Protein backbone atom coordinates (compact mmCIF):
# COMPACT_ATOMS: atom_id res chain seq x y z
CA MET A 1 167.40 17.02 -72.63
CA THR A 2 165.28 18.77 -70.05
CA PRO A 3 165.19 22.14 -71.83
CA MET A 4 164.11 20.40 -75.05
CA THR A 5 161.35 18.50 -73.29
CA THR A 6 160.13 21.61 -71.56
CA GLN A 7 160.10 23.49 -74.84
CA GLY A 8 158.07 20.73 -76.48
CA GLU A 9 155.57 20.78 -73.66
CA LYS A 10 155.23 24.52 -74.01
CA THR A 11 154.57 24.42 -77.73
CA THR A 12 152.14 21.50 -77.83
CA THR A 13 149.51 22.83 -75.48
CA PRO A 14 149.36 26.33 -76.94
CA ALA A 15 149.08 24.79 -80.43
CA GLY A 16 145.94 22.89 -79.43
CA SER A 17 144.60 25.94 -77.67
CA ALA A 18 145.32 28.10 -80.72
CA LYS A 19 143.41 25.70 -82.97
CA ARG A 20 140.41 25.77 -80.66
CA ALA A 21 140.56 29.56 -80.55
CA LEU A 22 140.74 29.69 -84.36
CA VAL A 23 137.72 27.41 -84.71
CA GLY A 24 135.84 29.54 -82.20
CA ARG A 25 136.60 32.78 -84.00
CA LEU A 26 135.70 31.30 -87.39
CA SER A 27 132.48 29.89 -85.97
CA TRP A 28 131.42 33.30 -84.71
CA GLY A 29 132.45 34.74 -88.06
CA LEU A 30 130.21 32.28 -89.88
CA ALA A 31 127.36 32.96 -87.44
CA ASP A 32 127.75 36.70 -87.95
CA GLN A 33 127.77 36.35 -91.71
CA ALA A 34 124.69 34.13 -91.50
CA ALA A 35 122.89 36.84 -89.54
CA SER A 36 124.02 39.49 -92.02
CA SER A 37 123.01 37.29 -94.97
CA ILE A 38 119.56 36.65 -93.59
CA SER A 39 118.97 40.36 -92.98
CA ASN A 40 120.18 41.41 -96.44
CA PHE A 41 118.24 38.62 -98.11
CA ALA A 42 115.05 39.45 -96.21
CA VAL A 43 115.30 43.15 -97.05
CA GLY A 44 115.88 42.46 -100.73
CA ILE A 45 113.06 39.93 -101.02
CA TYR A 46 110.62 42.09 -99.09
CA VAL A 47 111.37 45.17 -101.20
CA ALA A 48 111.28 43.21 -104.47
CA ARG A 49 107.87 41.73 -103.67
CA SER A 50 106.52 45.06 -102.42
CA LEU A 51 107.72 47.36 -105.22
CA GLY A 52 108.05 45.37 -108.46
CA VAL A 53 110.99 45.18 -110.84
CA THR A 54 111.35 48.86 -111.86
CA ALA A 55 111.08 50.39 -108.37
CA PHE A 56 113.30 47.59 -107.10
CA GLY A 57 115.82 48.73 -109.68
CA VAL A 58 115.80 52.20 -108.07
CA PHE A 59 116.33 50.63 -104.63
CA SER A 60 119.19 48.60 -106.09
CA LEU A 61 120.91 51.76 -107.36
CA ALA A 62 120.79 53.15 -103.80
CA TRP A 63 122.12 49.81 -102.53
CA VAL A 64 125.15 49.73 -104.84
CA THR A 65 125.87 53.39 -104.04
CA TYR A 66 125.90 52.46 -100.35
CA GLY A 67 128.37 49.72 -101.28
CA VAL A 68 130.76 52.31 -102.73
CA VAL A 69 130.55 54.52 -99.62
CA LEU A 70 130.95 51.49 -97.36
CA ASN A 71 134.15 50.55 -99.16
CA VAL A 72 135.49 54.09 -98.82
CA SER A 73 134.95 53.78 -95.07
CA ARG A 74 136.52 50.33 -94.91
CA GLY A 75 139.56 51.34 -96.92
CA LEU A 76 140.30 54.41 -94.79
CA ALA A 77 139.09 53.29 -91.37
CA THR A 78 138.63 49.58 -90.74
CA ASP A 79 140.83 47.67 -93.20
CA PRO A 80 144.00 49.14 -91.64
CA LEU A 81 142.50 48.36 -88.23
CA VAL A 82 142.13 44.63 -88.89
CA VAL A 83 145.55 44.37 -90.52
CA ARG A 84 147.49 46.18 -87.78
CA PHE A 85 145.39 45.79 -84.62
CA SER A 86 144.19 42.18 -84.70
CA GLY A 87 145.20 40.34 -81.56
CA VAL A 88 147.01 43.31 -79.99
CA PRO A 89 146.78 44.33 -76.29
CA ASP A 90 143.43 45.75 -75.23
CA ALA A 91 144.66 49.28 -74.57
CA SER A 92 146.17 49.51 -78.05
CA TRP A 93 143.00 48.08 -79.62
CA ARG A 94 140.68 50.50 -77.79
CA GLY A 95 142.67 53.54 -78.85
CA ALA A 96 142.73 52.38 -82.45
CA VAL A 97 139.00 51.60 -82.45
CA ALA A 98 138.13 55.06 -81.12
CA ARG A 99 140.03 56.69 -83.99
CA SER A 100 138.92 54.16 -86.61
CA SER A 101 135.21 54.36 -85.74
CA GLY A 102 135.47 58.15 -85.61
CA THR A 103 136.90 58.07 -89.12
CA ALA A 104 134.01 55.87 -90.32
CA LEU A 105 131.51 58.26 -88.76
CA GLY A 106 133.22 61.22 -90.42
CA VAL A 107 133.13 59.51 -93.81
CA GLY A 108 129.43 58.81 -93.31
CA GLY A 109 128.70 62.43 -92.45
CA ALA A 110 130.66 63.90 -95.35
CA LEU A 111 129.48 61.53 -98.08
CA GLY A 112 125.99 61.43 -96.59
CA ALA A 113 125.71 65.19 -97.03
CA ALA A 114 126.85 64.84 -100.65
CA SER A 115 124.25 62.13 -101.25
CA VAL A 116 121.47 64.35 -99.83
CA VAL A 117 122.47 67.21 -102.13
CA ALA A 118 122.66 64.88 -105.13
CA GLY A 119 119.27 63.37 -104.31
CA LEU A 120 117.59 66.76 -104.03
CA ALA A 121 119.14 67.82 -107.33
CA LEU A 122 118.12 64.62 -109.16
CA GLY A 123 114.49 64.50 -108.07
CA GLY A 124 112.18 62.14 -109.98
CA ARG A 125 112.16 58.44 -109.04
CA VAL A 126 115.80 58.18 -107.99
CA GLY A 127 116.34 61.44 -106.08
CA PRO A 128 114.34 60.74 -102.88
CA ALA A 129 116.06 57.36 -102.43
CA PHE A 130 119.51 58.98 -102.59
CA ALA A 131 118.51 61.80 -100.23
CA CYS A 132 117.26 59.29 -97.66
CA LEU A 133 120.37 57.18 -98.09
CA GLY A 134 122.50 60.22 -97.30
CA VAL A 135 120.67 60.79 -94.03
CA MET A 136 121.23 57.17 -92.98
CA LEU A 137 124.89 56.75 -94.03
CA PRO A 138 126.53 57.74 -90.69
CA GLY A 139 124.61 55.04 -88.80
CA LEU A 140 125.19 52.44 -91.51
CA LEU A 141 128.95 53.00 -91.58
CA LEU A 142 129.33 53.12 -87.80
CA GLN A 143 127.52 49.80 -87.44
CA ASP A 144 129.91 48.24 -89.95
CA ALA A 145 132.90 49.73 -88.12
CA TRP A 146 131.86 48.05 -84.86
CA ARG A 147 131.75 44.68 -86.62
CA PHE A 148 135.30 45.08 -87.91
CA SER A 149 136.46 46.23 -84.50
CA PHE A 150 135.03 43.21 -82.71
CA PHE A 151 136.59 40.78 -85.16
CA ALA A 152 139.96 42.49 -84.84
CA ALA A 153 139.74 41.84 -81.10
CA GLY A 154 138.76 38.21 -81.67
CA THR A 155 135.31 38.77 -80.11
CA GLY A 156 133.15 37.82 -83.06
CA ARG A 157 130.28 37.00 -80.71
CA LYS A 158 129.72 40.71 -80.17
CA ALA A 159 129.58 41.32 -83.93
CA PHE A 160 127.04 38.52 -84.26
CA VAL A 161 124.86 39.98 -81.50
CA ASN A 162 125.07 43.41 -83.11
CA ASP A 163 123.87 42.04 -86.45
CA VAL A 164 121.04 40.21 -84.70
CA VAL A 165 119.98 43.53 -83.12
CA TRP A 166 119.93 45.08 -86.59
CA GLY A 167 117.83 42.19 -87.91
CA VAL A 168 115.32 42.48 -85.07
CA ALA A 169 115.04 46.24 -85.54
CA LEU A 170 114.40 45.69 -89.26
CA ILE A 171 111.13 43.87 -88.63
CA PRO A 172 109.00 46.81 -87.38
CA ALA A 173 110.88 49.24 -89.63
CA MET A 174 110.06 47.24 -92.77
CA ALA A 175 106.43 46.86 -91.70
CA VAL A 176 106.11 50.64 -91.45
CA ALA A 177 107.84 51.13 -94.81
CA ALA A 178 105.47 48.67 -96.47
CA ARG A 179 102.52 50.75 -95.31
CA VAL A 180 104.06 53.82 -96.94
CA GLY A 181 104.97 51.85 -100.08
CA SER A 182 107.81 53.97 -101.50
CA VAL A 183 111.48 53.31 -102.22
CA ALA A 184 112.49 56.19 -99.94
CA ALA A 185 110.56 54.67 -97.04
CA PHE A 186 112.36 51.34 -97.42
CA VAL A 187 115.76 53.08 -97.54
CA LEU A 188 114.92 54.98 -94.34
CA ALA A 189 113.72 51.81 -92.61
CA TRP A 190 116.87 49.93 -93.57
CA GLY A 191 119.16 52.73 -92.41
CA ALA A 192 117.25 53.50 -89.20
CA SER A 193 117.48 49.90 -88.03
CA ALA A 194 121.25 49.95 -88.72
CA THR A 195 121.52 53.11 -86.62
CA VAL A 196 119.86 51.28 -83.73
CA ALA A 197 122.53 48.56 -84.01
CA ALA A 198 125.26 51.23 -84.23
CA GLY A 199 124.04 52.69 -80.94
CA TYR A 200 124.09 49.24 -79.38
CA GLY A 201 127.67 48.77 -80.63
CA TYR A 202 128.69 51.77 -78.51
CA LEU A 203 127.15 50.07 -75.46
CA GLN A 204 128.93 46.80 -76.30
CA SER A 205 132.37 48.34 -76.69
CA GLY A 206 132.21 51.23 -74.24
CA ILE A 207 134.29 53.20 -76.76
CA ARG A 208 133.28 56.64 -77.97
CA PRO A 209 134.14 57.28 -81.64
CA ARG A 210 136.53 60.23 -81.87
CA MET A 211 135.87 62.12 -85.07
CA THR A 212 138.38 64.78 -84.01
CA GLU A 213 141.17 62.20 -84.30
CA ALA A 214 140.17 61.00 -87.77
CA ARG A 215 142.84 63.15 -89.41
CA GLY A 216 145.53 61.64 -87.19
CA TRP A 217 144.30 58.12 -88.01
CA LEU A 218 144.40 58.83 -91.74
CA ARG A 219 147.92 60.20 -91.41
CA GLU A 220 149.15 57.19 -89.40
CA GLN A 221 147.62 54.64 -91.75
CA ARG A 222 148.21 56.43 -95.04
CA ASP A 223 150.61 53.78 -96.36
CA LEU A 224 147.81 51.19 -96.27
CA GLY A 225 144.65 53.27 -96.09
CA TYR A 226 144.90 55.14 -99.36
CA ARG A 227 145.85 52.05 -101.32
CA TYR A 228 142.97 50.14 -99.72
CA LEU A 229 140.68 53.08 -100.49
CA VAL A 230 141.52 52.95 -104.19
CA GLU A 231 141.30 49.17 -104.17
CA ASN A 232 137.91 49.07 -102.42
CA VAL A 233 136.38 51.91 -104.40
CA SER A 234 137.51 50.36 -107.66
CA LEU A 235 135.64 47.19 -106.62
CA SER A 236 132.38 48.81 -105.55
CA GLY A 237 132.70 51.61 -108.09
CA ALA A 238 132.89 49.02 -110.85
CA SER A 239 129.65 47.51 -109.56
CA GLN A 240 128.06 50.95 -109.47
CA LEU A 241 129.22 51.84 -112.99
CA ARG A 242 127.93 48.52 -114.26
CA ALA A 243 124.54 49.12 -112.59
CA TYR A 244 124.23 52.68 -113.93
CA GLY A 245 125.41 51.61 -117.38
CA LEU A 246 123.06 48.64 -117.46
CA GLY A 247 120.17 50.92 -116.51
CA ALA A 248 121.08 53.32 -119.32
CA ILE A 249 121.64 50.60 -121.96
CA VAL A 250 118.84 48.18 -121.12
CA GLY A 251 116.63 49.92 -118.52
CA LEU A 252 115.95 50.05 -114.76
CA GLY A 253 114.17 46.71 -115.00
CA ALA A 254 117.48 45.10 -115.96
CA VAL A 255 119.11 46.46 -112.79
CA GLY A 256 116.28 44.96 -110.76
CA ALA A 257 116.66 41.61 -112.55
CA VAL A 258 120.39 41.44 -111.79
CA ARG A 259 119.80 42.36 -108.17
CA GLY A 260 117.06 39.73 -107.95
CA ALA A 261 119.42 37.03 -109.22
CA GLU A 262 122.08 38.22 -106.78
CA LEU A 263 119.56 37.92 -103.97
CA LEU A 264 119.12 34.25 -104.82
CA MET A 265 122.89 33.92 -104.29
CA GLY A 266 122.54 36.13 -101.22
CA PRO A 267 124.15 33.90 -98.59
CA PHE A 268 127.41 33.79 -100.54
CA LEU A 269 127.40 37.38 -101.77
CA ALA A 270 126.86 38.67 -98.23
CA VAL A 271 129.69 36.49 -96.98
CA LEU A 272 131.97 37.76 -99.76
CA MET A 273 131.14 41.41 -99.01
CA GLY A 274 132.09 41.06 -95.39
CA LEU A 275 134.62 38.27 -95.65
CA SER A 276 137.49 40.42 -94.46
CA LEU A 277 135.80 40.59 -91.06
CA VAL A 278 137.00 37.03 -90.45
CA THR A 279 139.61 36.12 -93.01
CA VAL A 280 142.04 39.03 -92.87
CA PRO A 281 142.46 38.95 -89.06
CA GLU A 282 142.83 35.15 -89.17
CA ALA A 283 145.26 35.26 -92.08
CA ALA A 284 147.29 37.84 -90.15
CA ARG A 285 147.38 35.50 -87.15
CA VAL A 286 148.43 32.56 -89.34
CA LEU A 287 151.21 34.71 -90.80
CA ARG A 288 152.52 35.58 -87.33
CA GLN A 289 152.25 32.09 -85.87
CA ALA A 290 152.93 29.76 -88.83
CA PRO A 291 153.81 31.73 -91.99
CA HIS A 292 154.46 28.56 -94.02
CA ARG A 293 150.74 27.68 -93.65
CA LEU A 294 149.37 30.92 -95.07
CA GLY A 295 149.14 29.66 -98.67
CA LYS A 296 147.26 26.53 -97.64
CA PHE A 297 144.93 28.56 -95.40
CA CYS A 298 144.07 30.89 -98.29
CA LEU A 299 143.54 27.98 -100.71
CA LEU A 300 141.17 26.20 -98.34
CA LEU A 301 139.32 29.44 -97.74
CA GLY A 302 138.90 30.33 -101.41
CA GLY A 303 138.24 26.77 -102.60
CA GLY A 304 135.60 26.22 -99.94
CA GLN A 305 133.80 29.43 -100.94
CA ALA A 306 133.86 28.51 -104.64
CA ALA A 307 132.61 24.96 -104.07
CA ALA A 308 129.79 26.12 -101.81
CA ALA A 309 128.71 28.76 -104.35
CA LEU A 310 128.58 26.18 -107.15
CA LEU A 311 126.50 23.81 -105.04
CA TRP A 312 124.07 26.56 -104.10
CA GLY A 313 123.78 27.81 -107.66
CA GLY A 314 123.17 24.29 -108.92
CA SER A 315 120.29 23.90 -106.49
CA LEU A 316 118.82 27.22 -107.66
CA LEU A 317 118.83 25.99 -111.28
CA LEU A 318 116.61 23.11 -110.17
CA MET A 319 114.18 25.35 -108.27
CA PRO A 320 110.60 25.21 -109.63
CA ASP A 321 109.19 28.40 -111.17
CA ARG A 322 106.35 28.37 -108.67
CA LEU A 323 108.78 28.58 -105.76
CA GLY A 324 110.80 31.27 -107.53
CA ARG A 325 107.71 33.43 -108.01
CA LEU A 326 106.86 32.92 -104.35
CA VAL A 327 110.27 34.28 -103.37
CA LEU A 328 110.79 37.14 -105.85
CA GLY A 329 107.32 37.80 -107.20
CA SER A 330 107.34 39.46 -110.63
CA VAL A 331 111.15 39.81 -110.52
CA TRP A 332 111.63 36.01 -110.79
CA HIS A 333 110.99 35.68 -114.53
CA SER A 334 113.85 37.97 -115.57
CA ALA A 335 116.16 37.02 -112.67
CA SER A 336 115.96 33.26 -113.30
CA GLN A 337 117.67 33.64 -116.69
CA LEU A 338 120.81 34.96 -114.96
CA ILE A 339 121.34 32.26 -112.32
CA ALA A 340 123.96 30.20 -114.16
CA ALA A 341 126.12 33.21 -115.05
CA ILE A 342 125.91 34.78 -111.60
CA THR A 343 126.73 31.43 -109.96
CA LEU A 344 129.93 31.19 -111.98
CA GLY A 345 130.79 34.80 -111.10
CA VAL A 346 130.24 34.26 -107.37
CA ALA A 347 132.32 31.06 -107.44
CA GLY A 348 135.15 32.94 -109.14
CA ALA A 349 134.92 35.77 -106.63
CA GLY A 350 134.91 33.27 -103.75
CA LEU A 351 138.09 31.67 -105.04
CA GLY A 352 139.74 35.06 -105.36
CA THR A 353 138.89 36.16 -101.81
CA GLY A 354 141.25 33.53 -100.43
CA ALA A 355 144.18 35.09 -102.28
CA ALA A 356 143.00 38.60 -101.39
CA ALA A 357 143.03 37.75 -97.68
CA GLY A 358 146.59 36.48 -97.99
CA LEU A 359 147.79 39.64 -99.72
CA ARG A 360 146.10 41.81 -97.08
CA ALA A 361 147.70 39.82 -94.27
CA LEU A 362 151.11 40.21 -95.91
CA GLY A 363 150.56 43.95 -96.15
CA ALA A 364 151.18 43.72 -99.90
CA ALA A 365 148.95 46.69 -100.61
CA ARG A 366 150.64 47.47 -103.93
CA ARG A 367 150.05 43.95 -105.26
CA SER A 368 146.44 43.81 -104.05
CA LEU A 369 145.75 47.23 -105.55
CA ARG A 370 147.14 46.07 -108.88
CA CYS A 371 144.90 42.99 -108.79
CA GLN A 372 141.80 44.95 -107.87
CA LEU A 373 142.27 47.57 -110.57
CA PHE A 374 142.66 44.83 -113.17
CA ALA A 375 139.61 42.93 -111.87
CA SER A 376 137.49 46.10 -111.75
CA ALA A 377 138.41 47.11 -115.29
CA CYS A 378 137.45 43.63 -116.51
CA TYR A 379 134.20 43.78 -114.52
CA VAL A 380 133.06 47.07 -116.04
CA SER A 381 134.12 46.24 -119.59
CA GLY A 382 132.63 42.73 -119.40
CA GLY A 383 129.37 43.90 -117.82
CA LEU A 384 128.75 46.84 -120.16
CA GLY A 385 130.18 45.17 -123.26
CA GLY A 386 127.95 42.17 -122.64
CA ALA A 387 124.95 44.44 -122.12
CA ALA A 388 125.57 46.20 -125.43
CA LEU A 389 125.90 42.88 -127.26
CA ALA A 390 123.23 40.72 -125.61
CA GLY A 391 121.27 42.75 -123.04
CA THR A 392 120.92 41.67 -119.41
CA VAL A 393 121.99 38.05 -120.01
CA GLY A 394 125.07 39.18 -121.93
CA SER A 395 126.01 41.52 -119.11
CA ALA A 396 125.78 38.67 -116.57
CA TRP A 397 128.03 36.39 -118.62
CA GLY A 398 130.49 39.21 -119.26
CA VAL A 399 130.79 39.80 -115.50
CA ALA A 400 131.22 36.07 -114.82
CA THR A 401 134.08 35.82 -117.31
CA ALA A 402 135.72 38.92 -115.86
CA THR A 403 135.47 37.64 -112.28
CA VAL A 404 137.10 34.29 -113.07
CA SER A 405 139.91 36.08 -114.93
CA GLY A 406 140.43 38.44 -112.00
CA SER A 407 140.61 35.52 -109.57
CA ALA A 408 143.48 34.00 -111.55
CA VAL A 409 145.42 37.26 -111.28
CA TRP A 410 144.86 37.41 -107.49
CA TRP A 411 146.37 33.95 -107.08
CA LEU A 412 149.37 34.72 -109.30
CA GLN A 413 150.11 37.79 -107.20
CA LEU A 414 149.72 35.88 -103.92
CA ARG A 415 152.17 33.24 -105.12
CA SER A 416 154.72 35.93 -105.94
CA ALA A 417 154.14 37.69 -102.61
CA LEU A 418 154.59 34.46 -100.64
CA ARG A 419 157.83 33.71 -102.49
CA GLU A 420 159.04 37.25 -101.80
CA HIS A 421 158.11 37.00 -98.12
CA HIS A 422 159.95 33.70 -97.83
CA HIS A 423 163.12 35.16 -99.31
CA THR A 424 163.07 38.29 -97.16
CA THR A 425 162.39 36.46 -93.89
CA VAL A 426 165.57 35.58 -92.05
CA PRO A 427 165.45 31.87 -91.14
CA GLU A 428 166.18 30.78 -87.62
CA VAL A 429 169.73 29.48 -87.30
CA ARG A 430 170.22 26.63 -84.86
CA THR A 431 173.60 26.61 -83.12
CA SER A 432 173.18 23.47 -81.12
């Protein structure tokens, strides 16, 4: 009897401690996402009000291009980090972070140079924005890599502080950009403030990014990294193709209108973009500690996101036009027509992120890649097909339909992966 009692005592206390630790990590994750949301929202609103709908459309093209590059970096550098180095010993984590952050910096340098060349070749309205984006990409990607690294270590407080530093640095940078009054100036201000936060991340971690070991990192993580690369790029690339196609079919003003409506959903879109900072490490911990709870964890995660998005979107539909014009200026009129469709799309995406986190935690890269390719194909075809049929509003409803359909596929794949994991896990056999 004594051994059984002792074992019970040992398992009860750590369980309570683990729950408190989980709540703490999630709280810092929510705080960090709130800081990130506020910064992204403030930048978008400030630029929209300062530039008008067409120039804001140019800024939005640079923004979605940054999203593609960011997802390249995450797929190769930081997604494998959070899957394989969450909650590991400090020495192992530090070595992995040095190689992972070096990889992110290398991606920023290589793709940044390509963006500068493309910007100089394009010229016109769009070219200067892309050239400036290329200069700023290394700092932008390194700052994001620090955030992933801190969450992998369970120190979300550091990620939150780093995002606050970025937000504070944005204030004088945006003020200077407003005096210049060009899209390129706003891109430089946004990227320069991120570079300040990236430098502070080095001080927080005490880890020097090792670009020379990027090749070794890519080789070690190739079984996950390249699948995550394709998966991530298909997601952000679909958004980029939709934005470029919408601009070609309807006009740059349509791109600005969509981005304006997305800004109104900003708190949830920003959370969705960086959700893996919190959810994948936590799902991985749940899988290690209580694998039978992973499905419920993912359902609560996705359902909570979807419900919150619907509530927020419903409140936006009731917002007076006067308040909308105060927030978005001249962009409000065209953006307000898209709120219902974009709300449904964000709710669908929120539901799907719960299943995506579960598949990442299970290391089911092949299943998650299959889901993402399907969702991305639906996104592009729905967005551009809707634009061809019914302009900007049609594009928004096409994307919403595609996102809900993609979410259903994510959950079907998670259910299959959980069943497969259950069958392949050897159950504990009690002999006494």
